[in-house]
Amino acid sequence: MPSLATFNANNFFLRYKFGKTYPGDMSKKSLIEASEAAMMGYLPEKAFGKYSPKSFIIWEPERRKLAVKALKEPDGKLPDILCFQEVENMDAIRAFNENYLKSYYQYSLLIDGYDPRNIDVGVMSTLPIEEIRSHIDESKNGRRIFSRDCLEATFILPDGEKLILFVNHLKSKLVIKKKNDTEAQYHNHIRESHEQRKLQAKTVSEYIEKRFKGKHDSALYAVVGDFNDTPCSPYVKLLIKSPRLINILQEYRAVDDTWTYFWRDKNRVSQIDYILVSKALAQRIRKAAQNDGKKKPHIERKGLAYKTGKAGNILPATMIHFEEDPVTSKSGSTTPEKSKVQFDHKRFKEIEADWKKNISDHCPVKVWF
């Protein structure tokens, strides 16, 4: 049965390996030309219509190696469809696939967006991608809605059915107060950040409603990715609480066991990574879990960092269901706002030896269908 995972790889960047001559230069004359032009070297082979994974250096390679181990959990297999967030470009996906995954994925997809940090959403798949749609240039009141795209991809499943995914990385809540900002200006920046995320969530929800009109009970689709907000947040409520979508983790886990993200500085955990599925896809996931108890929706946490107390023991983390800030009032939800969760779970031995070797501050989330 196919599997699907989403993972925020946390600043997954590449670095070029510059060469003294351009690729394929048998005469080495370009070395002289480069010297005369006072240049340091040429771009790797992709600039000349040729691609080689050896032309790139993966940033933080130890983290990427451990990420492969995490993505294979708990069944020892990589997901058939892997949705990435915080990936720099298409070459990062290709180099990761070829250098770390032994070219496991035949199909890959990424469209460069407008994020100032150059982080994008992307997909790798063993299943054919029949169609793609980008929403990167959609705007409202002259402003782009998505800086990191709502990447839409249609996959052909082994049984001939089609699965449509909407891969997202919504606006971050991080707002840094500028040196000359007044409190009012700072609060306004926070409010603008929230409103942008709210608009993104609303746009995706509305698009789902229109895209599958009359087919919501039968169509196989899902909205996946990093929403940068908790389930009780008013800013992503329209998407997470959509009557068309099911937060599949909540069907199989207690409310305090749905967390996917660890904020080490605050020693907090929360759910901000989601696989929201249609009714028809939820039925397939349930059937897979019934047929094999090991194939229940999975959150892989062995790759996370940790905080320790004075005695060296791993401290419990605080589960945040709703996060307050200067412009957001408390939620009226009956879900507890805070609770303590144990955090001394098993981790990869490399991370137990050194927490800085963690794979990401996010957990891969995986389902089977």
Protein backbone atom coordinates (compact mmCIF):
# COMPACT_ATOMS: atom_id res chain seq x y z
CA MET A 1 0.00 0.00 0.00
CA PRO A 2 1.28 3.53 -0.71
CA SER A 3 2.56 5.83 2.01
CA LEU A 4 2.71 9.60 2.35
CA ALA A 5 4.88 11.76 4.60
CA THR A 6 5.43 15.44 5.28
CA PHE A 7 8.63 16.84 6.76
CA ASN A 8 10.01 20.32 7.43
CA ALA A 9 13.71 19.65 6.81
CA ASN A 10 14.79 22.88 8.57
CA ASN A 11 17.03 25.05 6.39
CA PHE A 12 17.88 22.43 3.78
CA PHE A 13 20.41 24.33 1.70
CA LEU A 14 23.02 23.52 -0.94
CA ARG A 15 26.42 25.00 -1.66
CA TYR A 16 28.00 25.00 -5.09
CA LYS A 17 31.36 23.42 -5.83
CA PHE A 18 33.01 25.90 -8.14
CA GLY A 19 35.41 24.58 -10.76
CA LYS A 20 38.49 26.15 -12.35
CA THR A 21 37.26 25.26 -15.83
CA TYR A 22 33.79 24.95 -17.23
CA PRO A 23 32.45 21.38 -17.33
CA GLY A 24 33.45 19.43 -20.42
CA ASP A 25 36.35 21.70 -21.33
CA MET A 26 38.85 19.18 -22.77
CA SER A 27 41.37 21.86 -23.80
CA LYS A 28 41.39 23.62 -20.41
CA LYS A 29 41.37 26.98 -22.21
CA SER A 30 38.60 28.26 -19.97
CA LEU A 31 41.09 28.20 -17.08
CA ILE A 32 43.10 30.89 -18.89
CA GLU A 33 39.96 32.86 -19.68
CA ALA A 34 38.88 32.71 -16.05
CA SER A 35 42.28 33.89 -14.89
CA GLU A 36 42.26 36.81 -17.31
CA ALA A 37 38.80 37.80 -16.12
CA ALA A 38 39.93 37.58 -12.47
CA MET A 39 37.21 35.01 -11.81
CA MET A 40 37.35 32.38 -9.09
CA GLY A 41 35.70 29.64 -11.13
CA TYR A 42 32.64 28.40 -12.99
CA LEU A 43 29.24 27.37 -11.82
CA PRO A 44 28.61 23.62 -11.65
CA GLU A 45 27.44 21.59 -14.59
CA LYS A 46 23.76 22.51 -14.35
CA ALA A 47 24.63 25.95 -15.72
CA PHE A 48 25.68 24.24 -18.94
CA GLY A 49 22.64 22.03 -19.31
CA LYS A 50 24.16 19.10 -17.43
CA TYR A 51 23.38 17.96 -13.90
CA SER A 52 25.60 16.05 -11.50
CA PRO A 53 24.92 15.57 -7.79
CA LYS A 54 28.68 15.72 -7.21
CA SER A 55 28.58 19.40 -8.15
CA PHE A 56 26.88 20.28 -4.85
CA ILE A 57 27.58 20.18 -1.15
CA ILE A 58 24.62 19.40 1.10
CA TRP A 59 24.45 21.82 4.02
CA GLU A 60 24.71 20.04 7.40
CA PRO A 61 25.19 16.53 5.96
CA GLU A 62 24.99 14.70 9.31
CA ARG A 63 21.48 16.02 9.87
CA ARG A 64 20.44 14.83 6.41
CA LYS A 65 21.83 11.34 6.98
CA LEU A 66 19.84 11.02 10.19
CA ALA A 67 16.78 12.42 8.44
CA VAL A 68 16.90 9.44 6.08
CA LYS A 69 16.76 7.10 9.10
CA ALA A 70 13.79 9.01 10.48
CA LEU A 71 11.91 8.97 7.18
CA LYS A 72 12.23 5.18 7.05
CA GLU A 73 10.55 4.74 10.42
CA PRO A 74 8.61 2.83 11.61
CA ASP A 75 8.43 0.23 8.80
CA GLY A 76 11.96 0.49 7.43
CA LYS A 77 10.78 2.01 4.15
CA LEU A 78 10.90 5.49 2.71
CA PRO A 79 7.45 6.98 2.00
CA ASP A 80 6.18 6.64 -1.55
CA ILE A 81 5.39 10.36 -1.56
CA LEU A 82 7.55 12.73 0.48
CA CYS A 83 6.45 16.35 0.88
CA PHE A 84 9.24 18.70 1.92
CA GLN A 85 9.24 22.15 3.47
CA GLU A 86 12.23 24.49 3.87
CA VAL A 87 14.12 23.16 0.85
CA GLU A 88 16.24 25.64 -1.06
CA ASN A 89 15.66 24.52 -4.64
CA MET A 90 15.17 21.62 -7.04
CA ASP A 91 18.86 20.77 -6.99
CA ALA A 92 18.65 20.23 -3.23
CA ILE A 93 15.96 17.62 -3.79
CA ARG A 94 17.91 15.94 -6.58
CA ALA A 95 21.20 15.90 -4.69
CA PHE A 96 19.48 14.54 -1.56
CA ASN A 97 17.79 11.81 -3.60
CA GLU A 98 20.94 10.74 -5.44
CA ASN A 99 23.54 11.17 -2.69
CA TYR A 100 21.52 10.04 0.34
CA LEU A 101 18.58 7.98 -0.93
CA LYS A 102 20.30 5.99 -3.68
CA SER A 103 17.95 7.55 -6.27
CA TYR A 104 14.93 5.95 -4.61
CA TYR A 105 12.56 8.54 -6.06
CA GLN A 106 11.95 8.67 -9.80
CA TYR A 107 9.81 11.81 -9.73
CA SER A 108 10.45 15.17 -8.08
CA LEU A 109 8.91 18.60 -8.11
CA LEU A 110 9.67 22.07 -6.75
CA ILE A 111 8.78 25.57 -7.97
CA ASP A 112 10.87 28.46 -6.66
CA GLY A 113 8.81 30.92 -4.68
CA TYR A 114 9.26 34.41 -3.29
CA ASP A 115 10.39 33.67 0.24
CA PRO A 116 13.23 36.02 1.30
CA ARG A 117 15.12 33.06 2.83
CA ASN A 118 14.81 31.09 -0.42
CA ILE A 119 12.99 28.21 1.29
CA ASP A 120 10.42 26.35 -0.79
CA VAL A 121 8.06 23.39 -0.68
CA GLY A 122 8.78 20.34 -2.81
CA VAL A 123 7.83 16.74 -3.51
CA MET A 124 9.62 13.48 -4.22
CA SER A 125 7.67 10.43 -5.35
CA THR A 126 7.92 6.85 -6.56
CA LEU A 127 4.48 7.36 -8.11
CA PRO A 128 3.97 9.26 -11.38
CA ILE A 129 3.01 12.93 -11.13
CA GLU A 130 0.34 13.49 -13.76
CA GLU A 131 -0.36 17.17 -13.26
CA ILE A 132 0.95 20.14 -11.30
CA ARG A 133 -0.53 23.53 -10.49
CA SER A 134 1.28 26.39 -8.80
CA HIS A 135 -0.49 29.12 -6.86
CA ILE A 136 2.67 31.14 -6.33
CA ASP A 137 1.54 34.22 -8.26
CA GLU A 138 -1.99 34.48 -6.91
CA SER A 139 -2.55 37.79 -5.16
CA LYS A 140 -5.06 39.86 -3.23
CA ASN A 141 -5.04 43.66 -3.15
CA GLY A 142 -1.76 43.65 -5.05
CA ARG A 143 0.01 41.35 -2.56
CA ARG A 144 1.00 37.73 -3.17
CA ILE A 145 -0.92 35.29 -1.00
CA PHE A 146 1.74 32.55 -0.87
CA SER A 147 5.45 33.27 -0.59
CA ARG A 148 6.23 29.52 -0.48
CA ASP A 149 3.47 28.36 -2.80
CA CYS A 150 0.50 26.11 -2.30
CA LEU A 151 1.97 23.44 -4.55
CA GLU A 152 -0.71 21.22 -6.08
CA ALA A 153 0.28 17.84 -7.52
CA THR A 154 -1.79 14.94 -8.86
CA PHE A 155 -0.35 11.44 -8.40
CA ILE A 156 -1.37 8.21 -10.14
CA LEU A 157 -1.81 5.47 -7.52
CA PRO A 158 -1.05 1.78 -8.20
CA ASP A 159 -4.78 1.02 -8.51
CA GLY A 160 -5.22 3.77 -11.11
CA GLU A 161 -6.93 6.23 -8.76
CA LYS A 162 -5.69 9.81 -8.51
CA LEU A 163 -4.45 11.51 -5.35
CA ILE A 164 -4.25 15.32 -5.27
CA LEU A 165 -1.96 16.92 -2.70
CA PHE A 166 -1.69 20.56 -1.68
CA VAL A 167 1.73 21.11 -0.10
CA ASN A 168 1.97 24.20 2.10
CA HIS A 169 4.28 26.12 4.38
CA LEU A 170 2.19 28.91 5.86
CA LYS A 171 3.46 32.25 7.16
CA SER A 172 5.72 32.03 10.19
CA LYS A 173 4.73 33.53 13.54
CA LEU A 174 8.27 34.76 14.11
CA VAL A 175 8.28 38.57 14.24
CA ILE A 176 11.45 40.26 15.47
CA LYS A 177 11.05 43.69 17.00
CA LYS A 178 13.10 46.22 15.07
CA LYS A 179 15.37 48.63 16.92
CA ASN A 180 13.24 51.69 16.35
CA ASP A 181 9.83 50.03 16.58
CA THR A 182 7.34 51.32 19.12
CA GLU A 183 5.23 48.75 20.93
CA ALA A 184 2.29 49.68 18.70
CA GLN A 185 4.37 49.18 15.55
CA TYR A 186 5.69 45.84 16.81
CA HIS A 187 2.18 44.65 17.63
CA ASN A 188 1.03 45.71 14.18
CA HIS A 189 3.78 43.61 12.59
CA ILE A 190 2.58 40.60 14.60
CA ARG A 191 -0.99 41.29 13.54
CA GLU A 192 0.06 41.49 9.87
CA SER A 193 1.87 38.16 10.17
CA HIS A 194 -1.23 36.50 11.62
CA GLU A 195 -3.49 38.00 8.99
CA GLN A 196 -1.25 36.73 6.20
CA ARG A 197 -1.36 33.18 7.61
CA LYS A 198 -5.12 33.49 8.07
CA LEU A 199 -5.52 34.58 4.44
CA GLN A 200 -3.40 31.64 3.26
CA ALA A 201 -5.43 29.15 5.30
CA LYS A 202 -8.69 30.70 4.09
CA THR A 203 -7.54 30.63 0.45
CA VAL A 204 -6.59 26.95 0.61
CA SER A 205 -9.88 26.08 2.30
CA GLU A 206 -11.90 27.97 -0.32
CA TYR A 207 -9.94 26.44 -3.16
CA ILE A 208 -10.57 22.93 -1.82
CA GLU A 209 -14.28 23.69 -1.63
CA LYS A 210 -14.42 24.82 -5.27
CA ARG A 211 -11.93 22.30 -6.68
CA PHE A 212 -13.88 19.24 -5.53
CA LYS A 213 -17.43 20.56 -5.62
CA GLY A 214 -19.81 17.61 -5.83
CA LYS A 215 -16.92 15.15 -5.31
CA HIS A 216 -15.92 15.68 -1.69
CA ASP A 217 -17.12 12.24 -0.57
CA SER A 218 -15.25 10.35 -3.29
CA ALA A 219 -12.16 12.40 -4.23
CA LEU A 220 -8.78 11.48 -2.77
CA TYR A 221 -7.02 14.65 -1.65
CA ALA A 222 -5.05 16.10 1.24
CA VAL A 223 -3.59 19.37 2.48
CA VAL A 224 -0.18 18.72 4.03
CA GLY A 225 2.76 20.64 5.44
CA ASP A 226 3.87 23.10 8.08
CA PHE A 227 1.05 25.50 9.01
CA ASN A 228 3.15 27.37 11.62
CA ASP A 229 0.25 27.39 14.05
CA THR A 230 -1.53 25.20 16.57
CA PRO A 231 -4.92 23.47 16.10
CA CYS A 232 -6.67 25.95 18.43
CA SER A 233 -5.39 29.04 16.65
CA PRO A 234 -8.05 31.33 15.15
CA TYR A 235 -5.70 32.06 12.24
CA VAL A 236 -5.72 28.56 10.74
CA LYS A 237 -9.15 27.53 12.03
CA LEU A 238 -10.87 27.76 8.63
CA LEU A 239 -8.48 25.17 7.22
CA ILE A 240 -7.98 22.80 10.15
CA LYS A 241 -11.66 22.80 11.07
CA SER A 242 -12.89 22.59 7.49
CA PRO A 243 -15.84 20.17 7.20
CA ARG A 244 -14.11 18.79 4.08
CA LEU A 245 -10.88 17.82 5.86
CA ILE A 246 -9.95 15.44 8.68
CA ASN A 247 -6.93 16.00 10.92
CA ILE A 248 -5.98 12.35 10.74
CA LEU A 249 -3.49 12.40 13.66
CA GLN A 250 -6.28 13.28 16.08
CA GLU A 251 -8.16 10.10 15.18
CA TYR A 252 -5.32 7.90 16.42
CA ARG A 253 -3.61 9.89 19.17
CA ALA A 254 -4.55 11.51 22.46
CA VAL A 255 -4.68 15.31 22.40
CA ASP A 256 -1.31 15.54 24.19
CA ASP A 257 0.32 13.14 21.74
CA THR A 258 -0.27 14.94 18.44
CA TRP A 259 2.73 17.27 18.74
CA THR A 260 5.13 17.44 15.81
CA TYR A 261 7.37 20.41 16.65
CA PHE A 262 9.93 21.18 19.38
CA TRP A 263 10.95 24.74 20.26
CA ARG A 264 14.11 24.09 22.23
CA ASP A 265 14.64 27.64 23.50
CA LYS A 266 11.25 27.56 25.22
CA ASN A 267 11.21 23.78 25.84
CA ARG A 268 7.79 23.61 24.17
CA VAL A 269 6.10 21.15 21.86
CA SER A 270 3.03 21.65 19.68
CA GLN A 271 1.36 20.41 16.53
CA ILE A 272 2.10 22.68 13.59
CA ASP A 273 2.65 19.97 10.95
CA TYR A 274 -0.47 18.44 9.43
CA ILE A 275 -1.87 15.86 7.08
CA LEU A 276 -5.49 16.92 6.56
CA VAL A 277 -7.29 14.40 4.41
CA SER A 278 -10.55 14.07 2.50
CA LYS A 279 -13.23 11.66 3.69
CA ALA A 280 -12.36 9.11 1.01
CA LEU A 281 -8.65 9.23 1.83
CA ALA A 282 -9.41 8.96 5.55
CA GLN A 283 -11.32 5.74 4.84
CA ARG A 284 -8.27 4.30 3.08
CA ILE A 285 -6.00 5.28 5.97
CA ARG A 286 -8.38 3.63 8.44
CA LYS A 287 -8.46 0.45 6.38
CA ALA A 288 -4.67 0.34 6.23
CA ALA A 289 -4.45 0.76 10.01
CA GLN A 290 -7.07 -1.96 10.57
CA ASN A 291 -5.24 -4.42 8.32
CA ASP A 292 -1.87 -3.72 9.91
CA GLY A 293 -1.67 -2.21 13.40
CA LYS A 294 1.85 -0.96 12.68
CA LYS A 295 0.55 1.28 9.92
CA LYS A 296 -1.33 3.76 12.04
CA PRO A 297 -0.54 7.44 11.35
CA HIS A 298 2.97 7.93 12.70
CA ILE A 299 4.99 10.82 14.15
CA GLU A 300 8.73 10.08 14.16
CA ARG A 301 10.34 11.78 17.17
CA LYS A 302 13.68 9.98 17.51
CA GLY A 303 15.38 12.75 15.53
CA LEU A 304 14.56 15.60 17.92
CA ALA A 305 16.91 17.55 20.17
CA TYR A 306 16.25 17.93 23.91
CA LYS A 307 16.91 20.08 26.97
CA THR A 308 18.50 18.77 30.16
CA GLY A 309 18.34 19.85 33.78
CA LYS A 310 21.26 20.40 36.16
CA ALA A 311 21.39 16.69 36.89
CA GLY A 312 21.71 15.93 33.18
CA ASN A 313 18.25 14.37 32.88
CA ILE A 314 16.01 15.24 29.94
CA LEU A 315 13.39 17.73 31.04
CA PRO A 316 9.66 17.28 30.37
CA ALA A 317 8.36 19.63 27.66
CA THR A 318 5.32 21.87 27.79
CA MET A 319 2.60 21.02 25.29
CA ILE A 320 1.08 24.17 23.79
CA HIS A 321 -2.42 23.85 22.33
CA PHE A 322 -2.88 27.59 21.99
CA GLU A 323 -0.15 30.20 22.01
CA GLU A 324 -0.86 33.66 23.35
CA ASP A 325 0.82 36.80 22.07
CA PRO A 326 0.29 40.56 22.48
CA VAL A 327 -2.48 40.70 19.87
CA THR A 328 -4.18 37.32 20.30
CA SER A 329 -6.68 36.67 23.09
CA LYS A 330 -7.16 33.31 24.76
CA SER A 331 -8.98 30.61 22.88
CA GLY A 332 -12.47 29.63 23.93
CA SER A 333 -11.67 25.99 23.17
CA THR A 334 -12.16 23.34 25.84
CA THR A 335 -8.76 21.88 24.91
CA PRO A 336 -6.27 22.50 27.75
CA GLU A 337 -4.00 25.40 26.87
CA LYS A 338 -0.89 23.84 28.38
CA SER A 339 0.15 20.47 29.73
CA LYS A 340 3.35 18.59 30.44
CA VAL A 341 4.53 15.72 28.26
CA GLN A 342 7.38 13.34 28.89
CA PHE A 343 10.33 14.05 26.64
CA ASP A 344 12.83 11.35 27.53
CA HIS A 345 11.75 9.08 24.67
CA LYS A 346 14.32 7.08 22.71
CA ARG A 347 16.39 8.99 20.18
CA PHE A 348 18.98 8.08 17.58
CA LYS A 349 22.27 7.35 19.31
CA GLU A 350 24.00 10.20 17.47
CA ILE A 351 21.52 12.66 18.95
CA GLU A 352 21.72 11.15 22.42
CA ALA A 353 25.45 11.81 22.25
CA ASP A 354 25.02 15.34 20.88
CA TRP A 355 21.63 17.07 20.64
CA LYS A 356 22.99 19.47 18.00
CA LYS A 357 22.93 16.61 15.48
CA ASN A 358 19.13 16.58 15.47
CA ILE A 359 17.42 16.17 12.09
CA SER A 360 15.13 19.20 12.47
CA ASP A 361 12.91 20.94 14.99
CA HIS A 362 10.02 19.21 13.19
CA CYS A 363 9.03 15.54 13.13
CA PRO A 364 8.24 13.62 9.95
CA VAL A 365 4.57 12.63 9.85
CA LYS A 366 3.67 9.48 7.88
CA VAL A 367 0.45 7.72 6.86
CA TRP A 368 -0.37 4.65 4.82
CA PHE A 369 -3.35 4.26 2.51
